[in-house]
Amino acid sequence: MLKAGFARLDMTPPFGTPLAGYYEMRYADGVRDPIYLNAIAFNDEENTIVIITADVLMVRMDVCDMLREMISERV
């Protein structure tokens, strides 16, 4: 039997968080659009696939590796 699960987490930074992508230092002082982390998981009782998307500019490779390890320990 194929099983699927979905999740969404609002990860909008709090006011005062430094923002990337500008020529001068800027800090979050409002919310234009919320920032989400979305996940979908599929399991066929033998294999599990998890797809995660994040509304972010970049994620360092060491953070990706850490997240992969944490997810594989729990799935």
PDB file of N, CA and C in Angstrom:
ATOM      1  N   MET A   1       0.842  -1.169   0.000  1.00  0.00           N
ATOM      2  CA  MET A   1       0.000   0.000   0.000  1.00  0.00           C
ATOM      3  C   MET A   1       0.895   1.243   0.000  1.00  0.00           C
ATOM      4  N   LEU A   2       0.551   2.195  -0.830  1.00  0.00           N
ATOM      5  CA  LEU A   2       1.293   3.449  -0.905  1.00  0.00           C
ATOM      6  C   LEU A   2       0.721   4.420   0.117  1.00  0.00           C
ATOM      7  N   LYS A   3       1.604   4.988   0.924  1.00  0.00           N
ATOM      8  CA  LYS A   3       1.200   5.999   1.898  1.00  0.00           C
ATOM      9  C   LYS A   3       1.881   7.311   1.543  1.00  0.00           C
ATOM     10  N   ALA A   4       1.209   8.418   1.847  1.00  0.00           N
ATOM     11  CA  ALA A   4       1.781   9.741   1.591  1.00  0.00           C
ATOM     12  C   ALA A   4       1.485  10.640   2.773  1.00  0.00           C
ATOM     13  N   GLY A   5       2.414  11.558   3.033  1.00  0.00           N
ATOM     14  CA  GLY A   5       2.218  12.532   4.094  1.00  0.00           C
ATOM     15  C   GLY A   5       2.716  13.889   3.640  1.00  0.00           C
ATOM     16  N   PHE A   6       2.091  14.924   4.152  1.00  0.00           N
ATOM     17  CA  PHE A   6       2.420  16.285   3.762  1.00  0.00           C
ATOM     18  C   PHE A   6       2.617  17.125   5.018  1.00  0.00           C
ATOM     19  N   ALA A   7       3.485  18.116   4.927  1.00  0.00           N
ATOM     20  CA  ALA A   7       3.684  19.034   6.053  1.00  0.00           C
ATOM     21  C   ALA A   7       4.112  20.394   5.525  1.00  0.00           C
ATOM     22  N   ARG A   8       3.757  21.435   6.269  1.00  0.00           N
ATOM     23  CA  ARG A   8       4.173  22.800   5.934  1.00  0.00           C
ATOM     24  C   ARG A   8       4.510  23.508   7.237  1.00  0.00           C
ATOM     25  N   LEU A   9       5.655  24.170   7.236  1.00  0.00           N
ATOM     26  CA  LEU A   9       6.117  24.905   8.403  1.00  0.00           C
ATOM     27  C   LEU A   9       6.381  26.346   8.010  1.00  0.00           C
ATOM     28  N   ASP A  10       5.807  27.285   8.737  1.00  0.00           N
ATOM     29  CA  ASP A  10       6.074  28.708   8.502  1.00  0.00           C
ATOM     30  C   ASP A  10       7.392  29.036   9.183  1.00  0.00           C
ATOM     31  N   MET A  11       8.397  29.382   8.389  1.00  0.00           N
ATOM     32  CA  MET A  11       9.718  29.705   8.942  1.00  0.00           C
ATOM     33  C   MET A  11      10.093  31.161   8.672  1.00  0.00           C
ATOM     34  N   THR A  12       9.085  32.026   8.613  1.00  0.00           N
ATOM     35  CA  THR A  12       9.309  33.450   8.423  1.00  0.00           C
ATOM     36  C   THR A  12      10.173  33.970   9.565  1.00  0.00           C
ATOM     37  N   PRO A  13      11.284  34.634   9.252  1.00  0.00           N
ATOM     38  CA  PRO A  13      12.182  35.082  10.332  1.00  0.00           C
ATOM     39  C   PRO A  13      11.543  36.189  11.167  1.00  0.00           C
ATOM     40  N   PRO A  14      11.929  36.271  12.426  1.00  0.00           N
ATOM     41  CA  PRO A  14      11.403  37.342  13.276  1.00  0.00           C
ATOM     42  C   PRO A  14      11.975  38.696  12.852  1.00  0.00           C
ATOM     43  N   PHE A  15      11.282  39.749  13.217  1.00  0.00           N
ATOM     44  CA  PHE A  15      11.777  41.099  12.926  1.00  0.00           C
ATOM     45  C   PHE A  15      13.179  41.254  13.502  1.00  0.00           C
ATOM     46  N   GLY A  16      14.033  41.937  12.755  1.00  0.00           N
ATOM     47  CA  GLY A  16      15.405  42.156  13.187  1.00  0.00           C
ATOM     48  C   GLY A  16      16.406  41.170  12.619  1.00  0.00           C
ATOM     49  N   THR A  17      15.930  40.129  11.923  1.00  0.00           N
ATOM     50  CA  THR A  17      16.827  39.140  11.323  1.00  0.00           C
ATOM     51  C   THR A  17      17.534  39.762  10.126  1.00  0.00           C
ATOM     52  N   PRO A  18      18.884  39.612  10.005  1.00  0.00           N
ATOM     53  CA  PRO A  18      19.590  40.132   8.827  1.00  0.00           C
ATOM     54  C   PRO A  18      19.107  39.439   7.556  1.00  0.00           C
ATOM     55  N   LEU A  19      18.953  40.202   6.476  1.00  0.00           N
ATOM     56  CA  LEU A  19      18.471  39.668   5.204  1.00  0.00           C
ATOM     57  C   LEU A  19      19.607  39.586   4.197  1.00  0.00           C
ATOM     58  N   ALA A  20      19.673  38.477   3.478  1.00  0.00           N
ATOM     59  CA  ALA A  20      20.698  38.287   2.448  1.00  0.00           C
ATOM     60  C   ALA A  20      20.213  38.869   1.130  1.00  0.00           C
ATOM     61  N   GLY A  21      21.164  39.203   0.244  1.00  0.00           N
ATOM     62  CA  GLY A  21      20.820  39.594  -1.110  1.00  0.00           C
ATOM     63  C   GLY A  21      20.731  41.085  -1.352  1.00  0.00           C
ATOM     64  N   TYR A  22      21.236  41.886  -0.467  1.00  0.00           N
ATOM     65  CA  TYR A  22      21.197  43.341  -0.641  1.00  0.00           C
ATOM     66  C   TYR A  22      22.617  43.892  -0.609  1.00  0.00           C
ATOM     67  N   TYR A  23      22.820  45.082  -1.191  1.00  0.00           N
ATOM     68  CA  TYR A  23      24.139  45.692  -1.233  1.00  0.00           C
ATOM     69  C   TYR A  23      24.534  46.300   0.110  1.00  0.00           C
ATOM     70  N   GLU A  24      23.581  46.574   0.924  1.00  0.00           N
ATOM     71  CA  GLU A  24      23.858  47.104   2.255  1.00  0.00           C
ATOM     72  C   GLU A  24      23.096  46.259   3.269  1.00  0.00           C
ATOM     73  N   MET A  25      23.533  46.306   4.527  1.00  0.00           N
ATOM     74  CA  MET A  25      22.904  45.498   5.558  1.00  0.00           C
ATOM     75  C   MET A  25      21.452  45.929   5.744  1.00  0.00           C
ATOM     76  N   ARG A  26      20.537  44.967   5.652  1.00  0.00           N
ATOM     77  CA  ARG A  26      19.114  45.218   5.890  1.00  0.00           C
ATOM     78  C   ARG A  26      18.596  44.175   6.858  1.00  0.00           C
ATOM     79  N   TYR A  27      17.599  44.560   7.601  1.00  0.00           N
ATOM     80  CA  TYR A  27      17.017  43.676   8.605  1.00  0.00           C
ATOM     81  C   TYR A  27      15.519  43.551   8.360  1.00  0.00           C
ATOM     82  N   ALA A  28      14.968  42.408   8.675  1.00  0.00           N
ATOM     83  CA  ALA A  28      13.535  42.183   8.515  1.00  0.00           C
ATOM     84  C   ALA A  28      12.773  43.141   9.427  1.00  0.00           C
ATOM     85  N   ASP A  29      11.892  43.943   8.810  1.00  0.00           N
ATOM     86  CA  ASP A  29      11.092  44.874   9.604  1.00  0.00           C
ATOM     87  C   ASP A  29       9.609  44.733   9.283  1.00  0.00           C
ATOM     88  N   GLY A  30       9.270  43.700   8.529  1.00  0.00           N
ATOM     89  CA  GLY A  30       7.888  43.426   8.175  1.00  0.00           C
ATOM     90  C   GLY A  30       7.826  42.135   7.381  1.00  0.00           C
ATOM     91  N   VAL A  31       6.634  41.725   7.020  1.00  0.00           N
ATOM     92  CA  VAL A  31       6.460  40.485   6.259  1.00  0.00           C
ATOM     93  C   VAL A  31       5.672  40.809   4.995  1.00  0.00           C
ATOM     94  N   ARG A  32       6.312  40.660   3.844  1.00  0.00           N
ATOM     95  CA  ARG A  32       5.618  40.807   2.561  1.00  0.00           C
ATOM     96  C   ARG A  32       4.939  39.491   2.214  1.00  0.00           C
ATOM     97  N   ASP A  33       5.710  38.408   2.292  1.00  0.00           N
ATOM     98  CA  ASP A  33       5.202  37.061   2.045  1.00  0.00           C
ATOM     99  C   ASP A  33       5.801  36.130   3.090  1.00  0.00           C
ATOM    100  N   PRO A  34       5.005  35.226   3.648  1.00  0.00           N
ATOM    101  CA  PRO A  34       5.575  34.260   4.591  1.00  0.00           C
ATOM    102  C   PRO A  34       6.563  33.339   3.882  1.00  0.00           C
ATOM    103  N   ILE A  35       7.504  32.808   4.626  1.00  0.00           N
ATOM    104  CA  ILE A  35       8.501  31.883   4.094  1.00  0.00           C
ATOM    105  C   ILE A  35       8.172  30.496   4.639  1.00  0.00           C
ATOM    106  N   TYR A  36       8.023  29.533   3.717  1.00  0.00           N
ATOM    107  CA  TYR A  36       7.591  28.198   4.110  1.00  0.00           C
ATOM    108  C   TYR A  36       8.641  27.135   3.823  1.00  0.00           C
ATOM    109  N   LEU A  37       8.588  26.103   4.625  1.00  0.00           N
ATOM    110  CA  LEU A  37       9.299  24.853   4.390  1.00  0.00           C
ATOM    111  C   LEU A  37       8.201  23.833   4.132  1.00  0.00           C
ATOM    112  N   ASN A  38       8.248  23.163   2.982  1.00  0.00           N
ATOM    113  CA  ASN A  38       7.224  22.183   2.604  1.00  0.00           C
ATOM    114  C   ASN A  38       7.858  20.810   2.462  1.00  0.00           C
ATOM    115  N   ALA A  39       7.118  19.787   2.846  1.00  0.00           N
ATOM    116  CA  ALA A  39       7.625  18.419   2.711  1.00  0.00           C
ATOM    117  C   ALA A  39       6.501  17.498   2.262  1.00  0.00           C
ATOM    118  N   ILE A  40       6.876  16.524   1.457  1.00  0.00           N
ATOM    119  CA  ILE A  40       5.969  15.453   1.065  1.00  0.00           C
ATOM    120  C   ILE A  40       6.761  14.153   1.170  1.00  0.00           C
ATOM    121  N   ALA A  41       6.127  13.147   1.716  1.00  0.00           N
ATOM    122  CA  ALA A  41       6.800  11.854   1.900  1.00  0.00           C
ATOM    123  C   ALA A  41       5.918  10.755   1.314  1.00  0.00           C
ATOM    124  N   PHE A  42       6.557   9.791   0.668  1.00  0.00           N
ATOM    125  CA  PHE A  42       5.877   8.626   0.117  1.00  0.00           C
ATOM    126  C   PHE A  42       6.541   7.380   0.676  1.00  0.00           C
ATOM    127  N   ASN A  43       5.726   6.373   1.011  1.00  0.00           N
ATOM    128  CA  ASN A  43       6.238   5.115   1.518  1.00  0.00           C
ATOM    129  C   ASN A  43       5.419   3.990   0.914  1.00  0.00           C
ATOM    130  N   ASP A  44       6.119   2.988   0.371  1.00  0.00           N
ATOM    131  CA  ASP A  44       5.425   1.833  -0.221  1.00  0.00           C
ATOM    132  C   ASP A  44       5.649   0.571   0.612  1.00  0.00           C
ATOM    133  N   GLU A  45       5.931   0.745   1.904  1.00  0.00           N
ATOM    134  CA  GLU A  45       6.209  -0.319   2.869  1.00  0.00           C
ATOM    135  C   GLU A  45       7.586  -0.934   2.684  1.00  0.00           C
ATOM    136  N   GLU A  46       8.304  -0.495   1.658  1.00  0.00           N
ATOM    137  CA  GLU A  46       9.672  -0.969   1.446  1.00  0.00           C
ATOM    138  C   GLU A  46      10.642   0.201   1.308  1.00  0.00           C
ATOM    139  N   ASN A  47      10.194   1.249   0.661  1.00  0.00           N
ATOM    140  CA  ASN A  47      11.023   2.431   0.411  1.00  0.00           C
ATOM    141  C   ASN A  47      10.295   3.689   0.861  1.00  0.00           C
ATOM    142  N   THR A  48      11.088   4.676   1.275  1.00  0.00           N
ATOM    143  CA  THR A  48      10.532   5.976   1.636  1.00  0.00           C
ATOM    144  C   THR A  48      11.259   7.052   0.849  1.00  0.00           C
ATOM    145  N   ILE A  49      10.495   7.973   0.287  1.00  0.00           N
ATOM    146  CA  ILE A  49      11.044   9.121  -0.426  1.00  0.00           C
ATOM    147  C   ILE A  49      10.486  10.369   0.231  1.00  0.00           C
ATOM    148  N   VAL A  50      11.375  11.315   0.530  1.00  0.00           N
ATOM    149  CA  VAL A  50      10.961  12.583   1.117  1.00  0.00           C
ATOM    150  C   VAL A  50      11.480  13.703   0.224  1.00  0.00           C
ATOM    151  N   ILE A  51      10.606  14.608  -0.150  1.00  0.00           N
ATOM    152  CA  ILE A  51      10.987  15.785  -0.936  1.00  0.00           C
ATOM    153  C   ILE A  51      10.701  17.005  -0.079  1.00  0.00           C
ATOM    154  N   ILE A  52      11.713  17.842   0.084  1.00  0.00           N
ATOM    155  CA  ILE A  52      11.582  19.041   0.910  1.00  0.00           C
ATOM    156  C   ILE A  52      11.919  20.254   0.059  1.00  0.00           C
ATOM    157  N   THR A  53      11.084  21.274   0.156  1.00  0.00           N
ATOM    158  CA  THR A  53      11.368  22.542  -0.509  1.00  0.00           C
ATOM    159  C   THR A  53      11.387  23.644   0.545  1.00  0.00           C
ATOM    160  N   ALA A  54      12.210  24.651   0.303  1.00  0.00           N
ATOM    161  CA  ALA A  54      12.309  25.773   1.233  1.00  0.00           C
ATOM    162  C   ALA A  54      12.382  27.071   0.438  1.00  0.00           C
ATOM    163  N   ASP A  55      11.653  28.075   0.903  1.00  0.00           N
ATOM    164  CA  ASP A  55      11.644  29.388   0.257  1.00  0.00           C
ATOM    165  C   ASP A  55      12.838  30.207   0.758  1.00  0.00           C
ATOM    166  N   VAL A  56      14.034  29.753   0.412  1.00  0.00           N
ATOM    167  CA  VAL A  56      15.241  30.432   0.876  1.00  0.00           C
ATOM    168  C   VAL A  56      16.193  30.669  -0.289  1.00  0.00           C
ATOM    169  N   LEU A  57      17.122  31.589  -0.082  1.00  0.00           N
ATOM    170  CA  LEU A  57      18.100  31.937  -1.102  1.00  0.00           C
ATOM    171  C   LEU A  57      19.128  30.823  -1.291  1.00  0.00           C
ATOM    172  N   MET A  58      19.588  30.243  -0.180  1.00  0.00           N
ATOM    173  CA  MET A  58      20.589  29.177  -0.265  1.00  0.00           C
ATOM    174  C   MET A  58      20.634  28.416   1.048  1.00  0.00           C
ATOM    175  N   VAL A  59      21.166  27.196   0.974  1.00  0.00           N
ATOM    176  CA  VAL A  59      21.418  26.379   2.160  1.00  0.00           C
ATOM    177  C   VAL A  59      22.823  25.823   1.999  1.00  0.00           C
ATOM    178  N   ARG A  60      23.665  26.052   2.998  1.00  0.00           N
ATOM    179  CA  ARG A  60      25.046  25.553   2.916  1.00  0.00           C
ATOM    180  C   ARG A  60      25.047  24.029   2.843  1.00  0.00           C
ATOM    181  N   MET A  61      26.033  23.468   2.159  1.00  0.00           N
ATOM    182  CA  MET A  61      26.117  22.027   1.964  1.00  0.00           C
ATOM    183  C   MET A  61      26.228  21.280   3.287  1.00  0.00           C
ATOM    184  N   ASP A  62      26.949  21.823   4.276  1.00  0.00           N
ATOM    185  CA  ASP A  62      27.058  21.131   5.556  1.00  0.00           C
ATOM    186  C   ASP A  62      25.702  21.060   6.261  1.00  0.00           C
ATOM    187  N   VAL A  63      24.867  22.065   6.074  1.00  0.00           N
ATOM    188  CA  VAL A  63      23.509  22.038   6.644  1.00  0.00           C
ATOM    189  C   VAL A  63      22.678  20.985   5.912  1.00  0.00           C
ATOM    190  N   CYS A  64      22.791  20.916   4.580  1.00  0.00           N
ATOM    191  CA  CYS A  64      22.089  19.879   3.812  1.00  0.00           C
ATOM    192  C   CYS A  64      22.489  18.491   4.280  1.00  0.00           C
ATOM    193  N   ASP A  65      23.786  18.265   4.462  1.00  0.00           N
ATOM    194  CA  ASP A  65      24.270  16.962   4.921  1.00  0.00           C
ATOM    195  C   ASP A  65      23.712  16.620   6.295  1.00  0.00           C
ATOM    196  N   MET A  66      23.689  17.596   7.201  1.00  0.00           N
ATOM    197  CA  MET A  66      23.171  17.381   8.547  1.00  0.00           C
ATOM    198  C   MET A  66      21.676  17.035   8.488  1.00  0.00           C
ATOM    199  N   LEU A  67      20.925  17.758   7.659  1.00  0.00           N
ATOM    200  CA  LEU A  67      19.493  17.486   7.536  1.00  0.00           C
ATOM    201  C   LEU A  67      19.231  16.109   6.942  1.00  0.00           C
ATOM    202  N   ARG A  68      20.007  15.728   5.924  1.00  0.00           N
ATOM    203  CA  ARG A  68      19.851  14.393   5.329  1.00  0.00           C
ATOM    204  C   ARG A  68      20.068  13.311   6.379  1.00  0.00           C
ATOM    205  N   GLU A  69      21.100  13.484   7.193  1.00  0.00           N
ATOM    206  CA  GLU A  69      21.404  12.497   8.238  1.00  0.00           C
ATOM    207  C   GLU A  69      20.275  12.430   9.269  1.00  0.00           C
ATOM    208  N   MET A  70      19.798  13.582   9.712  1.00  0.00           N
ATOM    209  CA  MET A  70      18.715  13.610  10.700  1.00  0.00           C
ATOM    210  C   MET A  70      17.447  12.957  10.156  1.00  0.00           C
ATOM    211  N   ILE A  71      17.119  13.242   8.896  1.00  0.00           N
ATOM    212  CA  ILE A  71      15.915  12.685   8.292  1.00  0.00           C
ATOM    213  C   ILE A  71      16.055  11.175   8.135  1.00  0.00           C
ATOM    214  N   SER A  72      17.213  10.707   7.658  1.00  0.00           N
ATOM    215  CA  SER A  72      17.384   9.264   7.441  1.00  0.00           C
ATOM    216  C   SER A  72      17.350   8.481   8.746  1.00  0.00           C
ATOM    217  N   GLU A  73      17.749   9.104   9.866  1.00  0.00           N
ATOM    218  CA  GLU A  73      17.674   8.432  11.169  1.00  0.00           C
ATOM    219  C   GLU A  73      16.226   8.268  11.620  1.00  0.00           C
ATOM    220  N   ARG A  74      15.362   9.180  11.195  1.00  0.00           N
ATOM    221  CA  ARG A  74      13.972   9.180  11.672  1.00  0.00           C
ATOM    222  C   ARG A  74      12.987   8.519  10.740  1.00  0.00           C
ATOM    223  N   VAL A  75      13.404   8.263   9.504  1.00  0.00           N
ATOM    224  CA  VAL A  75      12.479   7.676   8.526  1.00  0.00           C
ATOM    225  C   VAL A  75      12.808   6.212   8.324  1.00  0.00           C
TER     226      VAL A  75
END
